């Protein structure tokens, strides 16, 4: 269990490291009916602040839309914006889930075009403006770094606690399933024994009626 928890924490830290820098890419424009979109997904804990900065380069006859949602059964939608050039989206997650950011570049008319997309996603500790905090509280660089590390450690502890709860639920489910299988086997054996005894009684009565025994 500890190995899986450590692996999950490592993956989470890797994702934070990846999104710490902005993503930049070219996105070709396609007709709206094509429904083509580019999606980015990151796992985010529950009740965590997420900030998304999205910039699209100028482009004629093109419209960039964005939608942000999670991949749970409820599919919580956090944002949906159309015809953006520069936008900032901030929200707090409702559940432990993968958050998807989907970008669409719709072509209004003319030949194929593309626009330069720049996306910066901050999660949890990265959403805090440490420069503003340093100015407000007159903190030294080392103190600011300790504040940031403290916030990250708190988030990791919350993730570990969540994984422990999931492991406990899975263990309870496995134990319940094992108990049901055992009872099913016992009932099957009792049914077979009952069927065998009934066959013996029936054959005995049959042979008596035929005066064979």
Protein backbone atom coordinates (compact mmCIF):
# COMPACT_ATOMS: atom_id res chain seq x y z
CA UNK A 1 0.00 0.00 0.00
CA UNK A 2 2.81 2.39 0.91
CA UNK A 3 4.41 1.75 -2.47
CA UNK A 4 1.23 2.66 -4.36
CA UNK A 5 0.76 5.78 -2.22
CA UNK A 6 4.33 6.87 -2.84
CA UNK A 7 3.88 6.29 -6.57
CA UNK A 8 0.67 8.37 -6.62
CA UNK A 9 2.34 11.19 -4.72
CA UNK A 10 5.27 11.10 -7.14
CA UNK A 11 2.88 11.32 -10.11
CA UNK A 12 1.09 14.27 -8.49
CA UNK A 13 4.37 16.10 -7.89
CA UNK A 14 5.41 15.38 -11.48
CA UNK A 15 2.15 16.87 -12.80
CA UNK A 16 2.62 19.99 -10.67
CA UNK A 17 6.14 20.34 -12.02
CA UNK A 18 4.92 20.03 -15.62
CA UNK A 19 2.18 22.64 -15.23
CA UNK A 20 4.44 25.02 -13.32
CA UNK A 21 5.56 26.34 -16.72
CA UNK A 22 3.22 27.51 -19.45
CA UNK A 23 2.27 25.28 -22.34
CA UNK A 24 2.57 26.81 -25.80
CA UNK A 25 1.35 25.19 -28.99
CA UNK A 26 -0.17 25.96 -32.39
CA UNK A 27 -3.77 24.89 -32.91
CA UNK A 28 -5.22 24.63 -36.38
CA UNK A 29 -8.70 25.99 -36.98
CA UNK A 30 -11.37 23.55 -38.16
CA UNK A 31 -15.07 23.98 -38.97
CA UNK A 32 -17.34 24.10 -35.93
CA UNK A 33 -19.27 21.03 -37.11
CA UNK A 34 -16.10 18.92 -36.89
CA UNK A 35 -16.19 19.22 -33.10
CA UNK A 36 -12.40 18.85 -32.87
CA UNK A 37 -10.83 19.89 -29.59
CA UNK A 38 -7.54 19.58 -27.72
CA UNK A 39 -7.86 18.50 -24.09
CA UNK A 40 -5.38 18.52 -21.20
CA UNK A 41 -6.09 16.52 -18.05
CA UNK A 42 -4.64 16.72 -14.55
CA UNK A 43 -5.68 14.98 -11.34
CA UNK A 44 -6.60 17.52 -8.63
CA UNK A 45 -7.70 16.83 -5.02
CA UNK A 46 -11.04 17.94 -3.60
CA UNK A 47 -11.51 21.53 -2.35
CA UNK A 48 -8.35 22.70 -4.15
CA UNK A 49 -8.04 26.11 -5.79
CA UNK A 50 -7.17 25.96 -9.49
CA UNK A 51 -6.20 28.97 -11.62
CA UNK A 52 -6.07 28.83 -15.41
CA UNK A 53 -4.52 31.58 -17.56
CA UNK A 54 -5.21 31.21 -21.27
CA UNK A 55 -3.98 33.45 -24.09
CA UNK A 56 -4.74 33.09 -27.80
CA UNK A 57 -2.86 34.98 -30.48
CA UNK A 58 -4.87 37.21 -32.84
CA UNK A 59 -6.42 35.51 -35.85
CA UNK A 60 -9.00 36.47 -38.44
CA UNK A 61 -12.07 34.32 -39.09
CA UNK A 62 -11.31 32.13 -36.06
CA UNK A 63 -12.94 31.71 -32.67
CA UNK A 64 -11.27 30.04 -29.69
CA UNK A 65 -13.53 28.45 -27.06
CA UNK A 66 -12.58 26.76 -23.79
CA UNK A 67 -14.41 24.53 -21.35
CA UNK A 68 -13.23 23.16 -18.00
CA UNK A 69 -14.84 20.16 -16.31
CA UNK A 70 -14.00 17.07 -14.30
CA UNK A 71 -14.30 13.43 -15.37
CA UNK A 72 -16.52 12.21 -12.53
CA UNK A 73 -19.95 10.66 -13.02
CA UNK A 74 -21.54 14.04 -12.24
CA UNK A 75 -19.21 15.81 -14.75
CA UNK A 76 -18.98 19.06 -12.80
CA UNK A 77 -18.51 21.96 -15.23
CA UNK A 78 -16.32 24.77 -13.86
CA UNK A 79 -16.12 27.11 -16.83
CA UNK A 80 -17.24 27.54 -20.45
CA UNK A 81 -16.14 30.59 -22.44
CA UNK A 82 -16.40 31.48 -26.12
CA UNK A 83 -14.36 33.69 -28.42
CA UNK A 84 -11.51 34.28 -25.99
CA UNK A 85 -8.28 36.18 -26.55
CA UNK A 86 -7.01 36.38 -22.98
CA UNK A 87 -8.87 34.97 -20.00
CA UNK A 88 -8.31 33.91 -16.41
CA UNK A 89 -10.39 31.19 -14.75
CA UNK A 90 -10.31 30.38 -11.03
CA UNK A 91 -12.37 27.70 -9.33
CA UNK A 92 -12.34 25.26 -6.41
CA UNK A 93 -12.75 21.57 -7.16
CA UNK A 94 -15.81 19.72 -5.83
CA UNK A 95 -14.38 16.19 -5.86
CA UNK A 96 -11.15 14.20 -6.14
CA UNK A 97 -11.00 13.84 -9.91
CA UNK A 98 -9.20 14.51 -13.18
CA UNK A 99 -9.76 18.08 -14.37
CA UNK A 100 -9.97 18.47 -18.16
CA UNK A 101 -9.26 21.71 -20.00
CA UNK A 102 -10.55 21.46 -23.58
CA UNK A 103 -9.71 24.13 -26.19
CA UNK A 104 -11.43 24.50 -29.57
CA UNK A 105 -10.38 26.71 -32.48
CA UNK A 106 -13.37 27.09 -34.81
CA UNK A 107 -12.94 28.21 -38.39
CA UNK A 108 -15.48 30.75 -39.61
CA UNK A 109 -14.49 30.85 -43.28
CA UNK A 110 -11.59 30.66 -45.69
CA UNK A 111 -8.65 28.21 -45.78
CA UNK A 112 -7.17 26.51 -42.71
CA UNK A 113 -5.58 28.83 -40.17
CA UNK A 114 -3.95 28.29 -36.82
CA UNK A 115 -3.55 30.33 -33.65
CA UNK A 116 -0.85 30.24 -31.02
CA UNK A 117 -2.25 29.07 -27.68
CA UNK A 118 -0.53 29.71 -24.35
CA UNK A 119 -1.92 27.97 -21.26
CA UNK A 120 -0.76 28.17 -17.66
CA UNK A 121 -2.49 26.02 -15.03
CA UNK A 122 -1.78 26.50 -11.32
CA UNK A 123 -3.04 24.08 -8.69
CA UNK A 124 -3.10 24.39 -4.91
CA UNK A 125 0.12 25.90 -3.59
CA UNK A 126 1.01 27.35 -6.99
CA UNK A 127 -2.09 29.59 -6.95
CA UNK A 128 -0.71 31.68 -4.07
CA UNK A 129 0.92 34.98 -5.03
CA UNK A 130 4.10 34.64 -2.95
CA UNK A 131 5.56 37.91 -4.20
CA UNK A 132 2.53 39.78 -2.87
CA UNK A 133 2.75 37.80 0.38
CA UNK A 134 6.43 38.72 0.76
CA UNK A 135 5.67 42.42 0.30
CA UNK A 136 2.67 42.35 2.63
CA UNK A 137 4.32 40.40 5.46
CA UNK A 138 7.90 41.55 4.76
CA UNK A 139 9.20 37.99 4.48
CA UNK A 140 12.65 36.90 3.39
CA UNK A 141 13.13 34.61 0.35
CA UNK A 142 13.84 31.64 2.62
CA UNK A 143 10.64 32.26 4.59
CA UNK A 144 8.62 32.48 1.38
CA UNK A 145 10.09 29.18 0.17
CA UNK A 146 9.23 27.57 3.52
CA UNK A 147 5.65 28.84 3.20
CA UNK A 148 5.39 27.34 -0.27
CA UNK A 149 6.85 24.01 0.88
CA UNK A 150 4.49 23.95 3.86
CA UNK A 151 1.51 24.40 1.54
CA UNK A 152 2.74 21.62 -0.75
CA UNK A 153 3.32 19.26 2.20
CA UNK A 154 -0.23 19.92 3.44
CA UNK A 155 -1.59 19.02 0.01
CA UNK A 156 0.50 15.85 -0.12
CA UNK A 157 -0.76 14.84 3.33
CA UNK A 158 -4.35 15.39 2.15
CA UNK A 159 -3.65 13.23 -0.92
CA UNK A 160 -2.19 10.46 1.23
CA UNK A 161 -5.19 10.56 3.56
CA UNK A 162 -7.51 10.34 0.55
CA UNK A 163 -5.60 7.34 -0.81
CA UNK A 164 -5.74 5.67 2.61
CA UNK A 165 -9.52 6.12 2.69
CA UNK A 166 -9.83 4.66 -0.80
CA UNK A 167 -7.65 1.71 0.19
CA UNK A 168 -9.83 1.11 3.26
CA UNK A 169 -12.99 1.18 1.09
CA UNK A 170 -11.44 -1.28 -1.35
CA UNK A 171 -10.40 -3.58 1.51
CA UNK A 172 -13.93 -3.50 2.95
CA UNK A 173 -15.34 -4.27 -0.50
CA UNK A 174 -12.95 -7.20 -0.94
CA UNK A 175 -13.80 -8.60 2.49
CA UNK A 176 -17.53 -8.24 1.84
CA UNK A 177 -17.17 -9.96 -1.55
CA UNK A 178 -15.11 -12.77 0.00
CA UNK A 179 -17.74 -13.31 2.70
CA UNK A 180 -20.54 -13.47 0.13
CA UNK A 181 -18.59 -15.99 -1.97
CA UNK A 182 -18.05 -18.16 1.11
CA UNK A 183 -21.75 -18.13 1.94
CA UNK A 184 -22.59 -18.92 -1.68
CA UNK A 185 -20.25 -21.92 -1.59
CA UNK A 186 -21.79 -23.14 1.67
CA UNK A 187 -25.31 -22.81 0.25
CA UNK A 188 -24.23 -24.61 -2.93
CA UNK A 189 -22.79 -27.50 -0.92
CA UNK A 190 -25.94 -27.72 1.24
CA UNK A 191 -28.10 -27.69 -1.89
CA UNK A 192 -26.05 -30.51 -3.45
CA UNK A 193 -26.26 -32.57 -0.24
CA UNK A 194 -30.02 -31.98 -0.04
CA UNK A 195 -30.44 -32.97 -3.69
CA UNK A 196 -28.41 -36.16 -3.14
CA UNK A 197 -30.49 -37.17 -0.09
CA UNK A 198 -33.71 -36.49 -1.99
CA UNK A 199 -32.50 -38.69 -4.86
CA UNK A 200 -31.70 -41.52 -2.42
CA UNK A 201 -35.14 -41.32 -0.82
CA UNK A 202 -36.87 -41.14 -4.18
CA UNK A 203 -34.99 -44.13 -5.61
CA UNK A 204 -35.61 -46.15 -2.46
CA UNK A 205 -39.35 -45.49 -2.69
CA UNK A 206 -39.30 -46.24 -6.44
CA UNK A 207 -37.59 -49.61 -5.95
CA UNK A 208 -40.00 -50.46 -3.09
CA UNK A 209 -42.98 -49.68 -5.29
CA UNK A 210 -41.60 -51.93 -8.01
CA UNK A 211 -40.86 -54.59 -5.38
CA UNK A 212 -37.26 -54.73 -6.50
CA UNK A 213 -35.98 -54.51 -2.93
